[in-house]
């Protein structure tokens, strides 16, 4: 089982909280992510790998892209810098590693 796969539903529920109209709920979700995961890549890699898998329904793709955007929006400048500079080869997800073999970076996938 790959990191982010076992608990992907609870993590996505936390990510949904980033869209909540209640500011306190959004703030709690951001705090939980920063303090418990210590790295947004623990969320980004599973989301990217799910997006790269073919045969996804349109609504699932739309949902995952929204989640990805909210992660990047809620993240700090450090997260955006890390996305630009971190090699895909550091991932453990096979779909992302395949992209690393052809020399792509996180920022190229996200753009």
PDB file of N, CA and C in Angstrom:
ATOM      1  N   UNK A   1       0.851  -1.173   0.000  1.00  0.00           N
ATOM      2  CA  UNK A   1       0.000   0.000   0.000  1.00  0.00           C
ATOM      3  C   UNK A   1       0.899   1.238   0.000  1.00  0.00           C
ATOM      4  N   UNK A   2       0.632   2.142  -0.911  1.00  0.00           N
ATOM      5  CA  UNK A   2       1.429   3.361  -1.035  1.00  0.00           C
ATOM      6  C   UNK A   2       0.992   4.422  -0.033  1.00  0.00           C
ATOM      7  N   UNK A   3       1.918   5.299   0.371  1.00  0.00           N
ATOM      8  CA  UNK A   3       1.539   6.393   1.272  1.00  0.00           C
ATOM      9  C   UNK A   3       0.410   7.224   0.662  1.00  0.00           C
ATOM     10  N   UNK A   4      -0.549   7.562   1.478  1.00  0.00           N
ATOM     11  CA  UNK A   4      -1.677   8.352   1.012  1.00  0.00           C
ATOM     12  C   UNK A   4      -2.826   7.547   0.472  1.00  0.00           C
ATOM     13  N   UNK A   5      -2.627   6.248   0.267  1.00  0.00           N
ATOM     14  CA  UNK A   5      -3.688   5.406  -0.269  1.00  0.00           C
ATOM     15  C   UNK A   5      -4.603   4.854   0.824  1.00  0.00           C
ATOM     16  N   UNK A   6      -4.024   4.477   1.936  1.00  0.00           N
ATOM     17  CA  UNK A   6      -4.804   3.851   2.998  1.00  0.00           C
ATOM     18  C   UNK A   6      -5.832   4.815   3.585  1.00  0.00           C
ATOM     19  N   UNK A   7      -5.443   6.037   3.815  1.00  0.00           N
ATOM     20  CA  UNK A   7      -6.325   7.009   4.443  1.00  0.00           C
ATOM     21  C   UNK A   7      -6.726   8.122   3.483  1.00  0.00           C
ATOM     22  N   UNK A   8      -6.876   7.816   2.201  1.00  0.00           N
ATOM     23  CA  UNK A   8      -7.162   8.882   1.247  1.00  0.00           C
ATOM     24  C   UNK A   8      -8.538   9.503   1.460  1.00  0.00           C
ATOM     25  N   UNK A   9      -9.518   8.766   1.911  1.00  0.00           N
ATOM     26  CA  UNK A   9     -10.849   9.336   2.145  1.00  0.00           C
ATOM     27  C   UNK A   9     -10.819  10.339   3.303  1.00  0.00           C
ATOM     28  N   UNK A  10     -10.269   9.998   4.479  1.00  0.00           N
ATOM     29  CA  UNK A  10     -10.203  11.014   5.538  1.00  0.00           C
ATOM     30  C   UNK A  10      -9.365  12.233   5.155  1.00  0.00           C
ATOM     31  N   UNK A  11      -8.283  12.009   4.418  1.00  0.00           N
ATOM     32  CA  UNK A  11      -7.448  13.136   3.991  1.00  0.00           C
ATOM     33  C   UNK A  11      -8.245  14.039   3.050  1.00  0.00           C
ATOM     34  N   UNK A  12      -8.997  13.441   2.131  1.00  0.00           N
ATOM     35  CA  UNK A  12      -9.800  14.251   1.218  1.00  0.00           C
ATOM     36  C   UNK A  12     -10.905  14.992   1.967  1.00  0.00           C
ATOM     37  N   UNK A  13     -11.395  14.414   3.050  1.00  0.00           N
ATOM     38  CA  UNK A  13     -12.387  15.120   3.866  1.00  0.00           C
ATOM     39  C   UNK A  13     -11.748  16.355   4.509  1.00  0.00           C
ATOM     40  N   UNK A  14     -10.516  16.211   4.969  1.00  0.00           N
ATOM     41  CA  UNK A  14      -9.797  17.364   5.519  1.00  0.00           C
ATOM     42  C   UNK A  14      -9.599  18.401   4.415  1.00  0.00           C
ATOM     43  N   UNK A  15      -9.233  17.928   3.227  1.00  0.00           N
ATOM     44  CA  UNK A  15      -9.023  18.846   2.112  1.00  0.00           C
ATOM     45  C   UNK A  15     -10.320  19.574   1.754  1.00  0.00           C
ATOM     46  N   UNK A  16     -11.459  18.877   1.840  1.00  0.00           N
ATOM     47  CA  UNK A  16     -12.750  19.523   1.583  1.00  0.00           C
ATOM     48  C   UNK A  16     -13.002  20.654   2.573  1.00  0.00           C
ATOM     49  N   UNK A  17     -12.486  20.506   3.762  1.00  0.00           N
ATOM     50  CA  UNK A  17     -12.673  21.546   4.783  1.00  0.00           C
ATOM     51  C   UNK A  17     -11.985  22.847   4.402  1.00  0.00           C
ATOM     52  N   UNK A  18     -11.021  22.789   3.491  1.00  0.00           N
ATOM     53  CA  UNK A  18     -10.359  24.008   3.023  1.00  0.00           C
ATOM     54  C   UNK A  18     -11.308  24.891   2.214  1.00  0.00           C
ATOM     55  N   UNK A  19     -12.422  24.312   1.743  1.00  0.00           N
ATOM     56  CA  UNK A  19     -13.434  25.054   0.975  1.00  0.00           C
ATOM     57  C   UNK A  19     -14.603  25.492   1.838  1.00  0.00           C
ATOM     58  N   UNK A  20     -14.608  25.127   3.103  1.00  0.00           N
ATOM     59  CA  UNK A  20     -15.753  25.403   3.969  1.00  0.00           C
ATOM     60  C   UNK A  20     -15.981  26.907   4.104  1.00  0.00           C
ATOM     61  N   UNK A  21     -17.248  27.330   4.097  1.00  0.00           N
ATOM     62  CA  UNK A  21     -17.522  28.763   4.260  1.00  0.00           C
ATOM     63  C   UNK A  21     -17.145  29.298   5.645  1.00  0.00           C
ATOM     64  N   UNK A  22     -17.092  28.409   6.627  1.00  0.00           N
ATOM     65  CA  UNK A  22     -16.731  28.817   7.984  1.00  0.00           C
ATOM     66  C   UNK A  22     -15.211  28.959   8.092  1.00  0.00           C
ATOM     67  N   UNK A  23     -14.777  30.161   8.401  1.00  0.00           N
ATOM     68  CA  UNK A  23     -13.336  30.453   8.492  1.00  0.00           C
ATOM     69  C   UNK A  23     -12.649  29.563   9.534  1.00  0.00           C
ATOM     70  N   UNK A  24     -13.319  29.289  10.643  1.00  0.00           N
ATOM     71  CA  UNK A  24     -12.703  28.459  11.694  1.00  0.00           C
ATOM     72  C   UNK A  24     -12.460  27.032  11.215  1.00  0.00           C
ATOM     73  N   UNK A  25     -13.377  26.486  10.435  1.00  0.00           N
ATOM     74  CA  UNK A  25     -13.197  25.133   9.896  1.00  0.00           C
ATOM     75  C   UNK A  25     -12.013  25.107   8.939  1.00  0.00           C
ATOM     76  N   UNK A  26     -11.920  26.124   8.069  1.00  0.00           N
ATOM     77  CA  UNK A  26     -10.778  26.198   7.144  1.00  0.00           C
ATOM     78  C   UNK A  26      -9.468  26.312   7.903  1.00  0.00           C
ATOM     79  N   UNK A  27      -9.459  27.136   8.937  1.00  0.00           N
ATOM     80  CA  UNK A  27      -8.249  27.341   9.725  1.00  0.00           C
ATOM     81  C   UNK A  27      -7.838  26.052  10.438  1.00  0.00           C
ATOM     82  N   UNK A  28      -8.812  25.316  10.966  1.00  0.00           N
ATOM     83  CA  UNK A  28      -8.500  24.044  11.632  1.00  0.00           C
ATOM     84  C   UNK A  28      -7.938  23.034  10.643  1.00  0.00           C
ATOM     85  N   UNK A  29      -8.499  22.993   9.449  1.00  0.00           N
ATOM     86  CA  UNK A  29      -7.995  22.056   8.433  1.00  0.00           C
ATOM     87  C   UNK A  29      -6.556  22.401   8.052  1.00  0.00           C
ATOM     88  N   UNK A  30      -6.280  23.685   7.841  1.00  0.00           N
ATOM     89  CA  UNK A  30      -4.920  24.104   7.501  1.00  0.00           C
ATOM     90  C   UNK A  30      -3.944  23.770   8.621  1.00  0.00           C
ATOM     91  N   UNK A  31      -4.360  24.015   9.848  1.00  0.00           N
ATOM     92  CA  UNK A  31      -3.497  23.709  10.998  1.00  0.00           C
ATOM     93  C   UNK A  31      -3.226  22.215  11.097  1.00  0.00           C
ATOM     94  N   UNK A  32      -4.264  21.405  10.878  1.00  0.00           N
ATOM     95  CA  UNK A  32      -4.099  19.955  10.969  1.00  0.00           C
ATOM     96  C   UNK A  32      -3.105  19.470   9.912  1.00  0.00           C
ATOM     97  N   UNK A  33      -3.255  19.973   8.703  1.00  0.00           N
ATOM     98  CA  UNK A  33      -2.357  19.557   7.617  1.00  0.00           C
ATOM     99  C   UNK A  33      -0.916  19.921   7.949  1.00  0.00           C
ATOM    100  N   UNK A  34      -0.710  21.148   8.383  1.00  0.00           N
ATOM    101  CA  UNK A  34       0.654  21.611   8.669  1.00  0.00           C
ATOM    102  C   UNK A  34       1.280  20.884   9.850  1.00  0.00           C
ATOM    103  N   UNK A  35       0.485  20.605  10.882  1.00  0.00           N
ATOM    104  CA  UNK A  35       1.067  19.998  12.080  1.00  0.00           C
ATOM    105  C   UNK A  35       1.155  18.476  12.009  1.00  0.00           C
ATOM    106  N   UNK A  36       0.237  17.818  11.314  1.00  0.00           N
ATOM    107  CA  UNK A  36       0.232  16.362  11.301  1.00  0.00           C
ATOM    108  C   UNK A  36       0.930  15.745  10.097  1.00  0.00           C
ATOM    109  N   UNK A  37       0.855  16.376   8.972  1.00  0.00           N
ATOM    110  CA  UNK A  37       1.490  15.799   7.793  1.00  0.00           C
ATOM    111  C   UNK A  37       2.911  16.292   7.607  1.00  0.00           C
ATOM    112  N   UNK A  38       3.193  17.507   8.034  1.00  0.00           N
ATOM    113  CA  UNK A  38       4.510  18.114   7.976  1.00  0.00           C
ATOM    114  C   UNK A  38       5.059  18.246   6.566  1.00  0.00           C
ATOM    115  N   UNK A  39       4.292  17.808   5.595  1.00  0.00           N
ATOM    116  CA  UNK A  39       4.694  17.972   4.210  1.00  0.00           C
ATOM    117  C   UNK A  39       3.460  17.870   3.322  1.00  0.00           C
ATOM    118  N   UNK A  40       3.242  18.878   2.501  1.00  0.00           N
ATOM    119  CA  UNK A  40       2.109  18.831   1.581  1.00  0.00           C
ATOM    120  C   UNK A  40       2.305  17.759   0.515  1.00  0.00           C
ATOM    121  N   UNK A  41       3.534  17.309   0.295  1.00  0.00           N
ATOM    122  CA  UNK A  41       3.760  16.261  -0.693  1.00  0.00           C
ATOM    123  C   UNK A  41       3.101  14.953  -0.278  1.00  0.00           C
ATOM    124  N   UNK A  42       2.849  14.788   1.002  1.00  0.00           N
ATOM    125  CA  UNK A  42       2.147  13.584   1.455  1.00  0.00           C
ATOM    126  C   UNK A  42       0.697  13.602   0.988  1.00  0.00           C
ATOM    127  N   UNK A  43       0.213  14.774   0.579  1.00  0.00           N
ATOM    128  CA  UNK A  43      -1.121  14.888  -0.012  1.00  0.00           C
ATOM    129  C   UNK A  43      -1.005  15.010  -1.528  1.00  0.00           C
ATOM    130  N   UNK A  44      -0.048  15.792  -1.992  1.00  0.00           N
ATOM    131  CA  UNK A  44       0.075  16.053  -3.426  1.00  0.00           C
ATOM    132  C   UNK A  44       0.366  14.792  -4.234  1.00  0.00           C
ATOM    133  N   UNK A  45       1.281  13.971  -3.783  1.00  0.00           N
ATOM    134  CA  UNK A  45       1.641  12.777  -4.550  1.00  0.00           C
ATOM    135  C   UNK A  45       0.458  11.831  -4.755  1.00  0.00           C
ATOM    136  N   UNK A  46      -0.318  11.497  -3.709  1.00  0.00           N
ATOM    137  CA  UNK A  46      -1.474  10.625  -3.959  1.00  0.00           C
ATOM    138  C   UNK A  46      -2.514  11.264  -4.886  1.00  0.00           C
ATOM    139  N   UNK A  47      -2.720  12.580  -4.769  1.00  0.00           N
ATOM    140  CA  UNK A  47      -3.686  13.247  -5.649  1.00  0.00           C
ATOM    141  C   UNK A  47      -3.187  13.218  -7.089  1.00  0.00           C
ATOM    142  N   UNK A  48      -1.911  13.549  -7.285  1.00  0.00           N
ATOM    143  CA  UNK A  48      -1.350  13.513  -8.636  1.00  0.00           C
ATOM    144  C   UNK A  48      -1.413  12.107  -9.221  1.00  0.00           C
ATOM    145  N   UNK A  49      -1.094  11.106  -8.422  1.00  0.00           N
ATOM    146  CA  UNK A  49      -1.118   9.734  -8.946  1.00  0.00           C
ATOM    147  C   UNK A  49      -2.536   9.321  -9.313  1.00  0.00           C
ATOM    148  N   UNK A  50      -3.537   9.754  -8.546  1.00  0.00           N
ATOM    149  CA  UNK A  50      -4.931   9.452  -8.886  1.00  0.00           C
ATOM    150  C   UNK A  50      -5.344  10.154 -10.172  1.00  0.00           C
ATOM    151  N   UNK A  51      -4.849  11.375 -10.392  1.00  0.00           N
ATOM    152  CA  UNK A  51      -5.170  12.098 -11.619  1.00  0.00           C
ATOM    153  C   UNK A  51      -4.528  11.451 -12.841  1.00  0.00           C
ATOM    154  N   UNK A  52      -3.372  10.842 -12.646  1.00  0.00           N
ATOM    155  CA  UNK A  52      -2.650  10.240 -13.761  1.00  0.00           C
ATOM    156  C   UNK A  52      -3.205   8.891 -14.179  1.00  0.00           C
ATOM    157  N   UNK A  53      -3.991   8.271 -13.305  1.00  0.00           N
ATOM    158  CA  UNK A  53      -4.591   6.979 -13.635  1.00  0.00           C
ATOM    159  C   UNK A  53      -5.725   7.220 -14.625  1.00  0.00           C
ATOM    160  N   UNK A  54      -5.729   6.465 -15.689  1.00  0.00           N
ATOM    161  CA  UNK A  54      -6.773   6.637 -16.695  1.00  0.00           C
ATOM    162  C   UNK A  54      -8.091   6.044 -16.212  1.00  0.00           C
ATOM    163  N   UNK A  55      -9.124   6.241 -16.977  1.00  0.00           N
ATOM    164  CA  UNK A  55     -10.473   5.718 -16.703  1.00  0.00           C
ATOM    165  C   UNK A  55     -11.106   6.329 -15.464  1.00  0.00           C
ATOM    166  N   UNK A  56     -10.829   7.585 -15.187  1.00  0.00           N
ATOM    167  CA  UNK A  56     -11.484   8.298 -14.090  1.00  0.00           C
ATOM    168  C   UNK A  56     -12.711   9.010 -14.652  1.00  0.00           C
ATOM    169  N   UNK A  57     -13.758   9.064 -13.856  1.00  0.00           N
ATOM    170  CA  UNK A  57     -14.951   9.804 -14.250  1.00  0.00           C
ATOM    171  C   UNK A  57     -14.651  11.297 -14.206  1.00  0.00           C
ATOM    172  N   UNK A  58     -15.368  12.057 -15.028  1.00  0.00           N
ATOM    173  CA  UNK A  58     -15.176  13.501 -15.103  1.00  0.00           C
ATOM    174  C   UNK A  58     -15.332  14.156 -13.735  1.00  0.00           C
ATOM    175  N   UNK A  59     -16.346  13.770 -12.981  1.00  0.00           N
ATOM    176  CA  UNK A  59     -16.590  14.391 -11.675  1.00  0.00           C
ATOM    177  C   UNK A  59     -15.435  14.122 -10.707  1.00  0.00           C
ATOM    178  N   UNK A  60     -14.847  12.926 -10.784  1.00  0.00           N
ATOM    179  CA  UNK A  60     -13.709  12.610  -9.917  1.00  0.00           C
ATOM    180  C   UNK A  60     -12.494  13.446 -10.308  1.00  0.00           C
ATOM    181  N   UNK A  61     -12.264  13.597 -11.592  1.00  0.00           N
ATOM    182  CA  UNK A  61     -11.146  14.427 -12.054  1.00  0.00           C
ATOM    183  C   UNK A  61     -11.351  15.871 -11.610  1.00  0.00           C
ATOM    184  N   UNK A  62     -12.560  16.371 -11.781  1.00  0.00           N
ATOM    185  CA  UNK A  62     -12.881  17.736 -11.368  1.00  0.00           C
ATOM    186  C   UNK A  62     -12.667  17.908  -9.866  1.00  0.00           C
ATOM    187  N   UNK A  63     -13.106  16.925  -9.094  1.00  0.00           N
ATOM    188  CA  UNK A  63     -12.938  16.976  -7.637  1.00  0.00           C
ATOM    189  C   UNK A  63     -11.459  16.973  -7.246  1.00  0.00           C
ATOM    190  N   UNK A  64     -10.687  16.077  -7.840  1.00  0.00           N
ATOM    191  CA  UNK A  64      -9.267  15.983  -7.507  1.00  0.00           C
ATOM    192  C   UNK A  64      -8.507  17.240  -7.921  1.00  0.00           C
ATOM    193  N   UNK A  65      -8.848  17.812  -9.071  1.00  0.00           N
ATOM    194  CA  UNK A  65      -8.200  19.062  -9.481  1.00  0.00           C
ATOM    195  C   UNK A  65      -8.538  20.197  -8.526  1.00  0.00           C
ATOM    196  N   UNK A  66      -9.783  20.252  -8.067  1.00  0.00           N
ATOM    197  CA  UNK A  66     -10.171  21.262  -7.087  1.00  0.00           C
ATOM    198  C   UNK A  66      -9.413  21.089  -5.788  1.00  0.00           C
ATOM    199  N   UNK A  67      -9.257  19.843  -5.362  1.00  0.00           N
ATOM    200  CA  UNK A  67      -8.511  19.548  -4.147  1.00  0.00           C
ATOM    201  C   UNK A  67      -7.054  19.944  -4.310  1.00  0.00           C
ATOM    202  N   UNK A  68      -6.495  19.644  -5.455  1.00  0.00           N
ATOM    203  CA  UNK A  68      -5.107  20.009  -5.738  1.00  0.00           C
ATOM    204  C   UNK A  68      -4.929  21.527  -5.705  1.00  0.00           C
ATOM    205  N   UNK A  69      -5.844  22.240  -6.326  1.00  0.00           N
ATOM    206  CA  UNK A  69      -5.764  23.707  -6.338  1.00  0.00           C
ATOM    207  C   UNK A  69      -5.878  24.288  -4.936  1.00  0.00           C
ATOM    208  N   UNK A  70      -6.787  23.740  -4.130  1.00  0.00           N
ATOM    209  CA  UNK A  70      -6.934  24.266  -2.770  1.00  0.00           C
ATOM    210  C   UNK A  70      -5.695  23.970  -1.930  1.00  0.00           C
ATOM    211  N   UNK A  71      -5.057  22.836  -2.184  1.00  0.00           N
ATOM    212  CA  UNK A  71      -3.819  22.508  -1.468  1.00  0.00           C
ATOM    213  C   UNK A  71      -2.739  23.515  -1.803  1.00  0.00           C
ATOM    214  N   UNK A  72      -2.611  23.813  -3.078  1.00  0.00           N
ATOM    215  CA  UNK A  72      -1.593  24.785  -3.494  1.00  0.00           C
ATOM    216  C   UNK A  72      -1.924  26.181  -2.990  1.00  0.00           C
ATOM    217  N   UNK A  73      -3.201  26.513  -2.972  1.00  0.00           N
ATOM    218  CA  UNK A  73      -3.610  27.836  -2.509  1.00  0.00           C
ATOM    219  C   UNK A  73      -3.377  27.989  -1.007  1.00  0.00           C
ATOM    220  N   UNK A  74      -3.678  26.937  -0.243  1.00  0.00           N
ATOM    221  CA  UNK A  74      -3.521  27.019   1.213  1.00  0.00           C
ATOM    222  C   UNK A  74      -2.072  26.868   1.645  1.00  0.00           C
ATOM    223  N   UNK A  75      -1.253  26.319   0.764  1.00  0.00           N
ATOM    224  CA  UNK A  75       0.155  26.119   1.099  1.00  0.00           C
ATOM    225  C   UNK A  75       0.927  27.422   1.087  1.00  0.00           C
ATOM    226  N   UNK A  76       2.069  27.377   1.669  1.00  0.00           N
ATOM    227  CA  UNK A  76       2.920  28.561   1.770  1.00  0.00           C
ATOM    228  C   UNK A  76       3.764  28.728   0.506  1.00  0.00           C
ATOM    229  N   UNK A  77       4.522  29.794   0.481  1.00  0.00           N
ATOM    230  CA  UNK A  77       5.476  30.003  -0.611  1.00  0.00           C
ATOM    231  C   UNK A  77       6.501  28.873  -0.623  1.00  0.00           C
ATOM    232  N   UNK A  78       6.789  28.328   0.555  1.00  0.00           N
ATOM    233  CA  UNK A  78       7.719  27.192   0.639  1.00  0.00           C
ATOM    234  C   UNK A  78       7.190  25.993  -0.141  1.00  0.00           C
ATOM    235  N   UNK A  79       5.863  25.748  -0.071  1.00  0.00           N
ATOM    236  CA  UNK A  79       5.269  24.648  -0.826  1.00  0.00           C
ATOM    237  C   UNK A  79       5.428  24.890  -2.322  1.00  0.00           C
ATOM    238  N   UNK A  80       5.132  26.087  -2.777  1.00  0.00           N
ATOM    239  CA  UNK A  80       5.252  26.381  -4.206  1.00  0.00           C
ATOM    240  C   UNK A  80       6.710  26.266  -4.672  1.00  0.00           C
ATOM    241  N   UNK A  81       7.633  26.708  -3.835  1.00  0.00           N
ATOM    242  CA  UNK A  81       9.050  26.584  -4.173  1.00  0.00           C
ATOM    243  C   UNK A  81       9.453  25.108  -4.222  1.00  0.00           C
ATOM    244  N   UNK A  82       8.962  24.341  -3.263  1.00  0.00           N
ATOM    245  CA  UNK A  82       9.273  22.912  -3.243  1.00  0.00           C
ATOM    246  C   UNK A  82       8.727  22.217  -4.484  1.00  0.00           C
ATOM    247  N   UNK A  83       7.552  22.614  -4.941  1.00  0.00           N
ATOM    248  CA  UNK A  83       6.980  22.023  -6.154  1.00  0.00           C
ATOM    249  C   UNK A  83       7.837  22.331  -7.376  1.00  0.00           C
ATOM    250  N   UNK A  84       8.421  23.509  -7.398  1.00  0.00           N
ATOM    251  CA  UNK A  84       9.267  23.887  -8.539  1.00  0.00           C
ATOM    252  C   UNK A  84      10.607  23.162  -8.527  1.00  0.00           C
ATOM    253  N   UNK A  85      11.103  22.819  -7.350  1.00  0.00           N
ATOM    254  CA  UNK A  85      12.472  22.307  -7.261  1.00  0.00           C
ATOM    255  C   UNK A  85      12.583  20.821  -6.929  1.00  0.00           C
ATOM    256  N   UNK A  86      11.516  20.207  -6.447  1.00  0.00           N
ATOM    257  CA  UNK A  86      11.586  18.804  -6.048  1.00  0.00           C
ATOM    258  C   UNK A  86      11.419  17.882  -7.249  1.00  0.00           C
ATOM    259  N   UNK A  87      12.302  16.950  -7.350  1.00  0.00           N
ATOM    260  CA  UNK A  87      12.248  15.981  -8.443  1.00  0.00           C
ATOM    261  C   UNK A  87      11.113  14.988  -8.225  1.00  0.00           C
ATOM    262  N   UNK A  88      10.480  14.586  -9.317  1.00  0.00           N
ATOM    263  CA  UNK A  88       9.443  13.564  -9.222  1.00  0.00           C
ATOM    264  C   UNK A  88      10.024  12.222  -8.793  1.00  0.00           C
ATOM    265  N   UNK A  89      11.313  12.053  -8.991  1.00  0.00           N
ATOM    266  CA  UNK A  89      11.952  10.794  -8.625  1.00  0.00           C
ATOM    267  C   UNK A  89      11.910  10.541  -7.122  1.00  0.00           C
ATOM    268  N   UNK A  90      11.588  11.577  -6.329  1.00  0.00           N
ATOM    269  CA  UNK A  90      11.497  11.392  -4.876  1.00  0.00           C
ATOM    270  C   UNK A  90      10.165  10.782  -4.455  1.00  0.00           C
ATOM    271  N   UNK A  91       9.239  10.642  -5.383  1.00  0.00           N
ATOM    272  CA  UNK A  91       7.932  10.054  -5.094  1.00  0.00           C
ATOM    273  C   UNK A  91       8.039   8.531  -5.032  1.00  0.00           C
ATOM    274  N   UNK A  92       7.063   7.910  -4.367  1.00  0.00           N
ATOM    275  CA  UNK A  92       7.006   6.451  -4.330  1.00  0.00           C
ATOM    276  C   UNK A  92       5.851   5.926  -5.188  1.00  0.00           C
ATOM    277  N   UNK A  93       5.123   6.821  -5.835  1.00  0.00           N
ATOM    278  CA  UNK A  93       3.974   6.424  -6.648  1.00  0.00           C
ATOM    279  C   UNK A  93       4.421   6.095  -8.068  1.00  0.00           C
ATOM    280  N   UNK A  94       4.101   4.888  -8.559  1.00  0.00           N
ATOM    281  CA  UNK A  94       4.572   4.452  -9.882  1.00  0.00           C
ATOM    282  C   UNK A  94       4.196   5.390 -11.027  1.00  0.00           C
ATOM    283  N   UNK A  95       2.985   5.938 -11.029  1.00  0.00           N
ATOM    284  CA  UNK A  95       2.573   6.832 -12.119  1.00  0.00           C
ATOM    285  C   UNK A  95       3.441   8.086 -12.144  1.00  0.00           C
ATOM    286  N   UNK A  96       3.803   8.578 -10.988  1.00  0.00           N
ATOM    287  CA  UNK A  96       4.645   9.769 -10.920  1.00  0.00           C
ATOM    288  C   UNK A  96       6.087   9.422 -11.272  1.00  0.00           C
ATOM    289  N   UNK A  97       6.545   8.255 -10.831  1.00  0.00           N
ATOM    290  CA  UNK A  97       7.906   7.826 -11.177  1.00  0.00           C
ATOM    291  C   UNK A  97       8.076   7.648 -12.681  1.00  0.00           C
ATOM    292  N   UNK A  98       7.011   7.208 -13.360  1.00  0.00           N
ATOM    293  CA  UNK A  98       7.076   7.096 -14.819  1.00  0.00           C
ATOM    294  C   UNK A  98       7.327   8.456 -15.451  1.00  0.00           C
ATOM    295  N   UNK A  99       6.690   9.498 -14.919  1.00  0.00           N
ATOM    296  CA  UNK A  99       6.937  10.848 -15.429  1.00  0.00           C
ATOM    297  C   UNK A  99       8.360  11.304 -15.114  1.00  0.00           C
ATOM    298  N   UNK A 100       8.871  10.886 -13.959  1.00  0.00           N
ATOM    299  CA  UNK A 100      10.232  11.267 -13.578  1.00  0.00           C
ATOM    300  C   UNK A 100      11.246  10.689 -14.559  1.00  0.00           C
ATOM    301  N   UNK A 101      10.940   9.519 -15.087  1.00  0.00           N
ATOM    302  CA  UNK A 101      11.847   8.886 -16.035  1.00  0.00           C
ATOM    303  C   UNK A 101      11.966   9.678 -17.332  1.00  0.00           C
ATOM    304  N   UNK A 102      10.936  10.473 -17.632  1.00  0.00           N
ATOM    305  CA  UNK A 102      11.024  11.293 -18.842  1.00  0.00           C
ATOM    306  C   UNK A 102      11.397  12.731 -18.503  1.00  0.00           C
ATOM    307  N   UNK A 103      11.831  12.966 -17.245  1.00  0.00           N
ATOM    308  CA  UNK A 103      12.413  14.242 -16.865  1.00  0.00           C
ATOM    309  C   UNK A 103      11.433  15.355 -16.549  1.00  0.00           C
ATOM    310  N   UNK A 104      10.277  15.047 -16.009  1.00  0.00           N
ATOM    311  CA  UNK A 104       9.308  16.083 -15.660  1.00  0.00           C
ATOM    312  C   UNK A 104       9.438  16.414 -14.179  1.00  0.00           C
ATOM    313  N   UNK A 105       8.994  17.618 -13.795  1.00  0.00           N
ATOM    314  CA  UNK A 105       9.018  18.036 -12.393  1.00  0.00           C
ATOM    315  C   UNK A 105       7.589  18.238 -11.903  1.00  0.00           C
ATOM    316  N   UNK A 106       7.417  18.392 -10.576  1.00  0.00           N
ATOM    317  CA  UNK A 106       6.092  18.651 -10.021  1.00  0.00           C
ATOM    318  C   UNK A 106       5.469  19.880 -10.664  1.00  0.00           C
ATOM    319  N   UNK A 107       6.256  20.922 -10.861  1.00  0.00           N
ATOM    320  CA  UNK A 107       5.693  22.160 -11.413  1.00  0.00           C
ATOM    321  C   UNK A 107       5.221  21.971 -12.860  1.00  0.00           C
ATOM    322  N   UNK A 108       5.884  21.115 -13.624  1.00  0.00           N
ATOM    323  CA  UNK A 108       5.445  20.866 -15.004  1.00  0.00           C
ATOM    324  C   UNK A 108       4.115  20.119 -15.025  1.00  0.00           C
ATOM    325  N   UNK A 109       3.912  19.227 -14.090  1.00  0.00           N
ATOM    326  CA  UNK A 109       2.644  18.500 -14.028  1.00  0.00           C
ATOM    327  C   UNK A 109       1.531  19.446 -13.586  1.00  0.00           C
ATOM    328  N   UNK A 110       1.852  20.324 -12.644  1.00  0.00           N
ATOM    329  CA  UNK A 110       0.838  21.211 -12.076  1.00  0.00           C
ATOM    330  C   UNK A 110       0.489  22.376 -12.989  1.00  0.00           C
ATOM    331  N   UNK A 111       1.295  22.612 -14.028  1.00  0.00           N
ATOM    332  CA  UNK A 111       0.987  23.762 -14.903  1.00  0.00           C
ATOM    333  C   UNK A 111       0.182  23.336 -16.104  1.00  0.00           C
TER     334      UNK A 111
END
